[in-house]
Amino acid sequence: MSWTAGTLGIMAALDVIAHRLRSHRLTAPAASPVAAARHMLAVQAQEFWGGRWALAVRSRGAITMPEVDAAFERGELVRAWPMRGTLHIVPAEDLAWMLSVTGERQFRQAAPRHRDLALDAETFARAEALARAALSGGSRLTRAEFPAMLAAGGVDPAGQRGIHVLHVLALRGVLVWGPVVPREGGASREQYLVLAEDWIGDPHVPADPLAELAARFVASHAPAGARDLAWWAGLPLGTARAAMAAAGERIVAVEDGTDPLHVAAQAPPRRAASAAPLLALPPFEEYYISYADRTRVCAPEFLTAVGPAKNGIVRPILLDRGRVVGVWTHSLAVGRHGEPPEPQLFADADAAEVAAALERYADFVGRAG
């Protein structure tokens, strides 16, 4: 099935929740974590474990953390700052063209902070030369080794200068977070820095990156509008609307108005008969965070408890048939990742379904170390 212009206005009959669950691959899982990543294009991963769980929960079968980590080691997935100044996991092949749309805007937004830190073009050039020398030939650096490398080369990393230098080099497509650093006795939490040009072998080059961004966003987040795209990608609303228009026949408007919702021209993936009705989803979950209006999936009285909080944190959520009914917590500290996650419900939910959802996550992370 595919949507056509004749479906305009069907949102009165279309179940937005059911459609989004399928678009997000939460009830129509992908064949693998890499396939899930290619479908989603980007999943927020400020919490690295959370981004990996976001892909595992969208994949068929009982995926473990080491299976997701293997995709980073193969160079199929990377973590970077493709938009909003926020870390995301993206397919390695898609990073360069995404940065061509969003990188310069992120750099401009960070410019006042760069001035405060006395970071200028000469400093960034020096840092890039140091990074290229340190990482040439397939070498890798940990997060702690990167500022030490800068300091040894005469670039002071103190006072957040180091992380801002790293951010700029990533926006310029020089560095990415690649293979996972092993962690004895616990779930891995860190990645090695590598040179993007050495690590990303065959980048995808769409004819129109802006149109590609809109079409891929709608395919993985529909029903969604231009305001949602603007928020998700960190773009001006006018640019987001232009992107939607540029996507052309790849997307279809299903509501009237100044900011209609769109779906992909092709129907979303088919719902799996075995799809769990209740899911434990990660912090910064795409199904929740990606929209200008989150009340479609979360009651207004629960929004503050989920986030974003004043510190920017968005908590892991419990999703019952597409609606947020609670949050949950779990520690990845060495020796504690085997402890059971703890739910905190806002609304009634079946206890057995909650337990099954958390057990699925516990199995994912519990075999990590």
Protein backbone atom coordinates (compact mmCIF):
# COMPACT_ATOMS: atom_id res chain seq x y z
CA MET A 1 0.00 0.00 0.00
CA SER A 2 1.11 3.57 -0.63
CA TRP A 3 -0.41 6.91 0.28
CA THR A 4 -1.50 9.28 -2.49
CA ALA A 5 -2.76 12.84 -2.71
CA GLY A 6 -6.26 11.38 -2.41
CA THR A 7 -5.55 10.51 1.22
CA LEU A 8 -5.40 14.19 2.22
CA GLY A 9 -7.48 14.69 5.34
CA ILE A 10 -7.54 11.04 6.45
CA MET A 11 -6.01 11.88 9.83
CA ALA A 12 -9.49 11.93 11.32
CA ALA A 13 -9.59 8.19 10.70
CA LEU A 14 -5.90 7.34 10.88
CA ASP A 15 -4.65 6.26 14.28
CA VAL A 16 -1.66 8.55 14.83
CA ILE A 17 -0.33 6.44 17.68
CA ALA A 18 -0.45 3.15 15.78
CA HIS A 19 1.14 4.76 12.72
CA ARG A 20 3.96 6.30 14.76
CA LEU A 21 4.67 3.03 16.52
CA ARG A 22 5.13 1.39 13.13
CA SER A 23 7.12 4.29 11.68
CA HIS A 24 9.46 4.15 14.68
CA ARG A 25 9.89 0.38 14.27
CA LEU A 26 8.56 -0.16 17.79
CA THR A 27 5.81 -2.52 16.64
CA ALA A 28 7.40 -3.36 13.27
CA PRO A 29 11.00 -4.22 14.20
CA ALA A 30 13.84 -4.08 11.69
CA ALA A 31 16.02 -7.02 10.76
CA SER A 32 19.01 -5.78 12.77
CA PRO A 33 20.27 -2.80 14.79
CA VAL A 34 22.04 -1.46 11.69
CA ALA A 35 18.83 -1.75 9.66
CA ALA A 36 17.00 0.05 12.47
CA ALA A 37 19.63 2.82 12.42
CA ARG A 38 19.34 3.23 8.66
CA HIS A 39 15.58 3.51 8.98
CA MET A 40 15.70 5.99 11.87
CA LEU A 41 18.62 7.97 10.35
CA ALA A 42 19.61 9.28 13.81
CA VAL A 43 18.79 8.31 17.38
CA GLN A 44 19.76 10.57 20.25
CA ALA A 45 22.61 9.09 22.26
CA GLN A 46 23.79 11.54 24.89
CA GLU A 47 23.57 8.43 27.04
CA PHE A 48 25.48 5.95 24.93
CA TRP A 49 23.73 2.93 26.43
CA GLY A 50 20.39 4.54 25.67
CA GLY A 51 21.15 5.05 21.99
CA ARG A 52 22.21 1.43 21.67
CA TRP A 53 19.08 0.22 23.44
CA ALA A 54 16.99 2.43 21.12
CA LEU A 55 18.32 0.38 18.20
CA ALA A 56 18.04 -2.99 19.96
CA VAL A 57 14.41 -2.44 20.95
CA ARG A 58 13.66 -1.65 17.29
CA SER A 59 15.24 -4.91 16.09
CA ARG A 60 13.95 -8.46 15.79
CA GLY A 61 14.99 -11.01 18.36
CA ALA A 62 16.81 -10.74 21.68
CA ILE A 63 19.59 -8.32 20.70
CA THR A 64 22.44 -7.91 23.18
CA MET A 65 24.68 -4.90 23.77
CA PRO A 66 27.76 -6.68 22.33
CA GLU A 67 25.83 -7.27 19.09
CA VAL A 68 25.16 -3.54 18.77
CA ASP A 69 28.75 -2.73 19.72
CA ALA A 70 29.99 -4.97 16.91
CA ALA A 71 28.36 -2.64 14.38
CA PHE A 72 30.55 0.21 15.67
CA GLU A 73 33.63 -1.97 15.39
CA ARG A 74 32.70 -2.80 11.77
CA GLY A 75 32.32 0.90 10.99
CA GLU A 76 28.62 0.65 10.13
CA LEU A 77 27.54 2.95 12.96
CA VAL A 78 29.19 6.04 14.47
CA ARG A 79 28.25 8.58 17.09
CA ALA A 80 28.59 12.28 16.37
CA TRP A 81 26.83 15.65 16.64
CA PRO A 82 24.72 15.67 13.45
CA MET A 83 22.19 18.18 14.82
CA ARG A 84 21.13 20.35 17.80
CA GLY A 85 24.62 20.14 19.30
CA THR A 86 23.54 16.75 20.62
CA LEU A 87 25.17 13.35 20.27
CA HIS A 88 23.33 10.88 18.04
CA ILE A 89 24.06 7.44 16.65
CA VAL A 90 23.88 7.55 12.85
CA PRO A 91 24.73 5.17 10.02
CA ALA A 92 28.31 6.00 9.11
CA GLU A 93 27.36 6.40 5.45
CA ASP A 94 24.88 9.19 6.26
CA LEU A 95 26.92 11.44 8.53
CA ALA A 96 28.69 13.62 5.95
CA TRP A 97 25.58 14.71 4.06
CA MET A 98 23.70 15.36 7.33
CA LEU A 99 26.50 17.67 8.46
CA SER A 100 26.32 19.46 5.11
CA VAL A 101 22.79 20.53 6.13
CA THR A 102 23.26 21.14 9.85
CA GLY A 103 26.97 21.59 10.61
CA GLU A 104 27.46 25.26 9.79
CA ARG A 105 24.37 26.30 11.76
CA GLN A 106 25.64 24.40 14.81
CA PHE A 107 29.03 26.09 14.47
CA ARG A 108 27.43 29.54 14.33
CA GLN A 109 25.29 28.81 17.37
CA ALA A 110 28.40 27.79 19.34
CA ALA A 111 30.41 30.87 18.25
CA PRO A 112 29.62 33.02 21.33
CA ARG A 113 30.89 30.25 23.61
CA HIS A 114 33.98 29.85 21.43
CA ARG A 115 34.73 33.56 21.88
CA ASP A 116 34.29 33.22 25.66
CA LEU A 117 36.83 30.39 25.64
CA ALA A 118 39.26 32.22 23.32
CA LEU A 119 38.89 29.55 20.66
CA ASP A 120 39.59 30.97 17.21
CA ALA A 121 40.26 29.72 13.69
CA GLU A 122 43.96 29.37 14.36
CA THR A 123 43.31 27.22 17.44
CA PHE A 124 40.91 24.95 15.57
CA ALA A 125 43.39 24.57 12.70
CA ARG A 126 46.15 23.67 15.13
CA ALA A 127 43.92 21.17 16.90
CA GLU A 128 42.92 19.56 13.61
CA ALA A 129 46.55 19.12 12.61
CA LEU A 130 47.31 17.54 15.98
CA ALA A 131 44.32 15.20 15.75
CA ARG A 132 45.18 14.09 12.24
CA ALA A 133 48.77 13.37 13.25
CA ALA A 134 47.70 11.44 16.37
CA LEU A 135 45.05 9.36 14.60
CA SER A 136 46.72 8.70 11.26
CA GLY A 137 47.19 5.10 10.23
CA GLY A 138 44.11 3.87 12.05
CA SER A 139 45.12 4.99 15.54
CA ARG A 140 42.49 5.62 18.22
CA LEU A 141 42.13 7.93 21.21
CA THR A 142 39.93 7.64 24.27
CA ARG A 143 38.00 10.59 25.65
CA ALA A 144 40.68 11.11 28.31
CA GLU A 145 43.54 10.84 25.82
CA PHE A 146 42.15 13.50 23.48
CA PRO A 147 42.67 16.54 25.78
CA ALA A 148 46.06 15.15 26.82
CA MET A 149 47.01 15.04 23.14
CA LEU A 150 45.88 18.66 22.69
CA ALA A 151 47.83 19.82 25.71
CA ALA A 152 51.00 18.07 24.54
CA GLY A 153 50.66 19.90 21.22
CA GLY A 154 50.21 23.34 22.74
CA VAL A 155 46.38 23.63 22.68
CA ASP A 156 45.08 24.21 26.20
CA PRO A 157 42.02 21.96 26.80
CA ALA A 158 41.10 23.42 30.21
CA GLY A 159 37.76 24.97 31.09
CA GLN A 160 35.69 23.05 28.49
CA ARG A 161 38.00 24.13 25.68
CA GLY A 162 38.82 20.50 24.93
CA ILE A 163 35.23 19.35 24.42
CA HIS A 164 34.44 22.41 22.30
CA VAL A 165 37.46 21.71 20.11
CA LEU A 166 36.32 18.12 19.76
CA HIS A 167 32.81 19.27 18.85
CA VAL A 168 34.11 21.58 16.11
CA LEU A 169 36.34 18.90 14.61
CA ALA A 170 33.36 16.55 14.57
CA LEU A 171 31.15 19.20 12.89
CA ARG A 172 33.85 19.60 10.23
CA GLY A 173 33.72 15.87 9.59
CA VAL A 174 37.24 15.24 10.87
CA LEU A 175 36.50 13.04 13.90
CA VAL A 176 33.81 10.55 14.92
CA TRP A 177 33.19 8.33 17.89
CA GLY A 178 33.76 4.84 16.49
CA PRO A 179 34.70 1.50 18.11
CA VAL A 180 33.59 0.80 21.66
CA VAL A 181 36.16 0.82 24.47
CA PRO A 182 36.00 -2.49 26.41
CA ARG A 183 35.03 -2.22 30.08
CA GLU A 184 36.00 -4.96 32.50
CA GLY A 185 33.18 -6.18 34.68
CA GLY A 186 30.47 -3.97 33.27
CA ALA A 187 28.62 -2.57 30.29
CA SER A 188 30.77 -0.49 27.94
CA ARG A 189 30.16 3.25 28.19
CA GLU A 190 32.84 4.85 26.00
CA GLN A 191 34.05 4.93 22.40
CA TYR A 192 37.34 5.60 20.69
CA LEU A 193 37.82 8.72 18.59
CA VAL A 194 38.89 7.95 15.02
CA LEU A 195 39.41 9.90 11.81
CA ALA A 196 36.17 9.98 9.84
CA GLU A 197 37.93 9.71 6.48
CA ASP A 198 39.66 6.51 7.59
CA TRP A 199 36.64 5.00 9.29
CA ILE A 200 33.76 5.81 6.93
CA GLY A 201 34.40 3.89 3.76
CA ASP A 202 31.53 4.56 1.35
CA PRO A 203 29.50 7.66 2.22
CA HIS A 204 26.02 8.11 0.81
CA VAL A 205 25.70 11.24 -1.36
CA PRO A 206 22.03 12.18 -1.96
CA ALA A 207 21.20 14.49 -4.85
CA ASP A 208 19.40 16.89 -2.48
CA PRO A 209 20.50 16.51 1.17
CA LEU A 210 17.71 18.76 2.48
CA ALA A 211 15.05 16.70 0.71
CA GLU A 212 16.71 13.51 1.92
CA LEU A 213 16.59 14.75 5.50
CA ALA A 214 12.88 15.51 5.31
CA ALA A 215 11.96 12.27 3.56
CA ARG A 216 13.98 10.11 5.95
CA PHE A 217 12.60 11.96 8.99
CA VAL A 218 9.01 11.50 7.86
CA ALA A 219 9.55 7.82 7.02
CA SER A 220 10.81 7.14 10.54
CA HIS A 221 8.65 9.56 12.56
CA ALA A 222 5.34 9.90 10.69
CA PRO A 223 2.86 11.33 11.08
CA ALA A 224 5.02 14.44 11.53
CA GLY A 225 5.03 18.06 10.39
CA ALA A 226 7.50 20.77 9.50
CA ARG A 227 7.57 22.04 13.09
CA ASP A 228 8.61 18.58 14.21
CA LEU A 229 11.37 18.46 11.60
CA ALA A 230 12.55 21.95 12.62
CA TRP A 231 12.83 20.88 16.25
CA TRP A 232 14.39 17.49 15.51
CA ALA A 233 17.04 18.76 13.09
CA GLY A 234 17.62 22.13 14.75
CA LEU A 235 16.63 24.02 11.60
CA PRO A 236 14.66 27.26 11.12
CA LEU A 237 10.98 26.57 10.48
CA GLY A 238 11.21 28.09 7.01
CA THR A 239 14.04 25.74 6.11
CA ALA A 240 12.09 22.77 7.47
CA ARG A 241 9.08 23.71 5.34
CA ALA A 242 11.31 24.04 2.29
CA ALA A 243 12.75 20.60 3.04
CA MET A 244 9.26 19.11 3.22
CA ALA A 245 8.42 20.68 -0.13
CA ALA A 246 11.68 19.42 -1.63
CA ALA A 247 10.86 15.86 -0.53
CA GLY A 248 8.17 15.96 -3.20
CA GLU A 249 6.37 12.70 -3.92
CA ARG A 250 8.30 10.82 -1.23
CA ILE A 251 5.91 12.22 1.40
CA VAL A 252 2.19 13.00 1.51
CA ALA A 253 0.29 15.57 3.60
CA VAL A 254 -2.56 13.96 5.54
CA GLU A 255 -3.90 17.08 7.27
CA ASP A 256 -4.89 20.52 6.07
CA GLY A 257 -3.61 23.72 7.64
CA THR A 258 -0.44 25.75 7.83
CA ASP A 259 1.55 22.90 9.39
CA PRO A 260 0.02 19.65 8.12
CA LEU A 261 1.20 16.27 9.26
CA HIS A 262 2.93 14.14 6.63
CA VAL A 263 3.46 10.43 6.15
CA ALA A 264 5.80 8.63 3.80
CA ALA A 265 4.37 7.86 0.38
CA GLN A 266 5.04 4.21 1.11
CA ALA A 267 3.04 2.77 3.99
CA PRO A 268 4.96 2.18 7.22
CA PRO A 269 6.48 -1.23 7.96
CA ARG A 270 3.96 -3.97 8.70
CA ARG A 271 3.17 -4.47 12.37
CA ALA A 272 4.61 -7.67 13.82
CA ALA A 273 2.06 -10.01 15.39
CA SER A 274 4.44 -10.58 18.28
CA ALA A 275 4.94 -6.88 19.05
CA ALA A 276 4.95 -6.25 22.79
CA PRO A 277 2.14 -3.93 23.98
CA LEU A 278 4.34 -2.31 26.63
CA LEU A 279 7.93 -1.19 26.08
CA ALA A 280 10.75 0.11 28.26
CA LEU A 281 12.42 2.79 26.14
CA PRO A 282 15.68 4.70 26.71
CA PRO A 283 16.36 8.25 27.86
CA PHE A 284 15.94 10.83 25.08
CA GLU A 285 13.69 8.35 23.26
CA GLU A 286 12.97 9.41 19.68
CA TYR A 287 9.29 8.46 19.91
CA TYR A 288 8.89 11.06 22.67
CA ILE A 289 11.56 13.73 22.13
CA SER A 290 11.27 14.25 18.36
CA TYR A 291 8.09 16.33 18.24
CA ALA A 292 7.13 19.93 18.87
CA ASP A 293 3.96 18.68 20.60
CA ARG A 294 4.61 15.68 22.86
CA THR A 295 1.10 15.57 24.31
CA ARG A 296 -0.05 13.25 21.52
CA VAL A 297 1.86 10.45 23.28
CA CYS A 298 2.24 11.78 26.83
CA ALA A 299 -0.44 13.34 29.02
CA PRO A 300 0.42 16.97 29.84
CA GLU A 301 0.58 16.25 33.57
CA PHE A 302 3.40 13.74 32.99
CA LEU A 303 5.62 15.91 30.78
CA THR A 304 7.57 17.50 33.63
CA ALA A 305 8.34 14.12 35.19
CA VAL A 306 9.71 12.82 31.88
CA GLY A 307 11.60 15.93 30.79
CA PRO A 308 13.49 17.70 29.42
CA ALA A 309 14.30 18.86 32.94
CA LYS A 310 16.23 22.04 33.73
CA ASN A 311 19.44 20.04 33.33
CA GLY A 312 18.29 18.84 29.91
CA ILE A 313 17.74 15.25 30.98
CA VAL A 314 14.90 13.21 29.48
CA ARG A 315 14.21 10.08 31.50
CA PRO A 316 13.70 6.51 30.21
CA ILE A 317 9.99 5.89 29.63
CA LEU A 318 7.49 3.07 29.91
CA LEU A 319 5.24 3.09 26.86
CA ASP A 320 1.92 1.25 27.07
CA ARG A 321 0.28 0.84 23.66
CA GLY A 322 1.97 4.00 22.46
CA ARG A 323 1.34 6.23 25.47
CA VAL A 324 3.71 7.14 28.29
CA VAL A 325 2.62 5.59 31.60
CA GLY A 326 5.81 5.90 33.63
CA VAL A 327 9.58 6.12 33.81
CA TRP A 328 12.28 3.74 35.01
CA THR A 329 15.83 3.75 36.32
CA HIS A 330 18.86 1.49 36.12
CA SER A 331 22.53 1.76 37.03
CA LEU A 332 25.39 0.78 34.71
CA ALA A 333 28.00 1.10 37.45
CA VAL A 334 30.50 -1.77 37.56
CA GLY A 335 28.95 -4.61 39.52
CA ARG A 336 25.46 -3.08 39.36
CA HIS A 337 24.43 -3.50 35.73
CA GLY A 338 22.97 -6.89 36.66
CA GLU A 339 20.56 -5.37 39.15
CA PRO A 340 16.91 -5.16 38.04
CA PRO A 341 15.60 -1.87 36.62
CA GLU A 342 13.10 -0.02 38.80
CA PRO A 343 9.79 1.27 37.36
CA GLN A 344 7.91 4.37 38.49
CA LEU A 345 4.37 4.38 37.12
CA PHE A 346 2.24 7.47 36.57
CA ALA A 347 -0.82 5.54 35.41
CA ASP A 348 -2.24 2.04 35.66
CA ALA A 349 -0.40 -0.63 33.69
CA ASP A 350 -0.35 -4.40 33.70
CA ALA A 351 2.35 -5.50 36.16
CA ALA A 352 3.31 -8.54 34.09
CA GLU A 353 3.74 -6.41 30.96
CA VAL A 354 5.89 -3.90 32.86
CA ALA A 355 8.05 -6.71 34.21
CA ALA A 356 8.42 -8.27 30.74
CA ALA A 357 9.47 -4.93 29.21
CA LEU A 358 12.11 -4.31 31.87
CA GLU A 359 13.32 -7.90 31.67
CA ARG A 360 13.89 -7.47 27.94
CA TYR A 361 16.12 -4.48 28.63
CA ALA A 362 17.87 -6.27 31.50
CA ASP A 363 18.70 -9.16 29.19
CA PHE A 364 20.14 -6.69 26.66
CA VAL A 365 22.47 -5.02 29.14
CA GLY A 366 23.01 -7.89 31.55
CA ARG A 367 25.10 -9.91 29.12
CA ALA A 368 27.33 -6.95 28.31
CA GLY A 369 30.10 -7.48 30.78
